């Protein structure tokens, strides 16, 4: 899988900006699909993303063949209720579990 990195901005409707794990997974999948020109991958994120610069979380991409790839999400800026973040996929996938 090619090395992938991208940025995203998502507006949220709370006084303390936070993006739910499910919404984060959806946005990360959309951004990776747009960057690679491939269908949206299966992404799972374990926790909500808090809108604080420097906050990071790890999501997991699961490919059709069952292999997995880690994806780092890092908050780059927060503008009111808008959380801006970078997405970077790991260089190496883990093989599918047997």
Protein backbone atom coordinates (compact mmCIF):
# COMPACT_ATOMS: atom_id res chain seq x y z
CA UNK A 1 0.00 0.00 0.00
CA UNK A 2 1.43 3.41 -0.87
CA UNK A 3 2.42 5.85 1.82
CA UNK A 4 -0.53 8.13 2.48
CA UNK A 5 -0.90 11.42 4.32
CA UNK A 6 -3.65 14.01 4.20
CA UNK A 7 -5.37 16.72 6.20
CA UNK A 8 -9.01 17.17 7.14
CA UNK A 9 -11.26 19.73 8.80
CA UNK A 10 -14.45 18.79 10.59
CA UNK A 11 -16.93 21.05 12.37
CA UNK A 12 -18.49 19.82 15.60
CA UNK A 13 -21.36 21.23 17.64
CA UNK A 14 -20.09 21.29 21.20
CA UNK A 15 -18.60 24.00 23.40
CA UNK A 16 -15.57 21.76 23.91
CA UNK A 17 -14.74 20.48 20.44
CA UNK A 18 -14.66 16.71 20.18
CA UNK A 19 -15.14 14.37 17.27
CA UNK A 20 -16.75 11.00 17.99
CA UNK A 21 -14.74 7.88 17.18
CA UNK A 22 -17.34 6.81 14.58
CA UNK A 23 -17.35 10.19 12.82
CA UNK A 24 -13.55 10.31 12.94
CA UNK A 25 -13.36 6.86 11.30
CA UNK A 26 -15.74 8.01 8.55
CA UNK A 27 -13.77 11.20 7.83
CA UNK A 28 -10.42 9.37 7.88
CA UNK A 29 -11.78 6.75 5.44
CA UNK A 30 -13.10 9.50 3.12
CA UNK A 31 -9.80 11.39 3.18
CA UNK A 32 -7.72 8.26 2.51
CA UNK A 33 -10.03 7.28 -0.36
CA UNK A 34 -9.73 10.76 -1.87
CA UNK A 35 -5.94 10.73 -1.52
CA UNK A 36 -5.42 7.25 -2.97
CA UNK A 37 -8.22 7.25 -5.55
CA UNK A 38 -9.43 3.91 -4.16
CA UNK A 39 -12.72 2.95 -2.48
CA UNK A 40 -13.20 3.98 1.16
CA UNK A 41 -11.26 1.61 3.40
CA UNK A 42 -12.61 -0.01 6.56
CA UNK A 43 -11.37 2.27 9.37
CA UNK A 44 -11.92 1.82 13.12
CA UNK A 45 -10.93 4.44 15.69
CA UNK A 46 -10.86 3.46 19.39
CA UNK A 47 -11.64 6.85 20.93
CA UNK A 48 -13.08 10.30 20.35
CA UNK A 49 -10.70 12.97 19.07
CA UNK A 50 -10.51 15.94 21.46
CA UNK A 51 -10.02 19.31 19.78
CA UNK A 52 -6.72 20.23 21.36
CA UNK A 53 -3.64 20.96 19.23
CA UNK A 54 -1.17 18.08 19.42
CA UNK A 55 -3.77 15.50 20.48
CA UNK A 56 -3.19 12.20 18.69
CA UNK A 57 -5.04 8.96 18.29
CA UNK A 58 -4.44 5.76 16.34
CA UNK A 59 -7.00 4.25 14.02
CA UNK A 60 -6.79 0.94 12.21
CA UNK A 61 -7.38 0.31 8.51
CA UNK A 62 -8.43 -3.24 7.64
CA UNK A 63 -7.87 -4.20 3.99
CA UNK A 64 -10.03 -6.61 1.98
CA UNK A 65 -7.41 -9.34 2.46
CA UNK A 66 -7.58 -8.96 6.26
CA UNK A 67 -4.23 -7.20 6.64
CA UNK A 68 -4.21 -4.12 8.85
CA UNK A 69 -2.46 -0.78 8.72
CA UNK A 70 -2.12 1.73 11.53
CA UNK A 71 -3.25 5.29 10.87
CA UNK A 72 -2.11 8.24 13.01
CA UNK A 73 -4.43 11.22 13.46
CA UNK A 74 -2.96 14.44 14.91
CA UNK A 75 -4.87 17.64 15.67
CA UNK A 76 -3.08 20.52 13.91
CA UNK A 77 -5.39 23.40 14.86
CA UNK A 78 -8.76 24.24 16.35
CA UNK A 79 -10.82 27.19 15.14
CA UNK A 80 -13.95 27.54 17.27
CA UNK A 81 -15.82 24.27 16.71
CA UNK A 82 -13.63 23.29 13.73
CA UNK A 83 -11.01 20.60 14.40
CA UNK A 84 -8.26 20.39 11.78
CA UNK A 85 -6.11 17.29 11.71
CA UNK A 86 -3.52 15.42 9.69
CA UNK A 87 -3.86 11.75 8.79
CA UNK A 88 -0.85 9.53 8.11
CA UNK A 89 -0.91 5.82 7.34
CA UNK A 90 1.97 3.65 8.56
CA UNK A 91 4.54 2.54 6.01
CA UNK A 92 4.06 -1.19 6.62
CA UNK A 93 0.90 -3.29 6.97
CA UNK A 94 0.46 -6.20 9.37
CA UNK A 95 -0.49 -9.48 7.68
CA UNK A 96 -3.94 -10.95 8.18
CA UNK A 97 -4.43 -13.09 11.27
CA UNK A 98 -4.96 -16.77 10.49
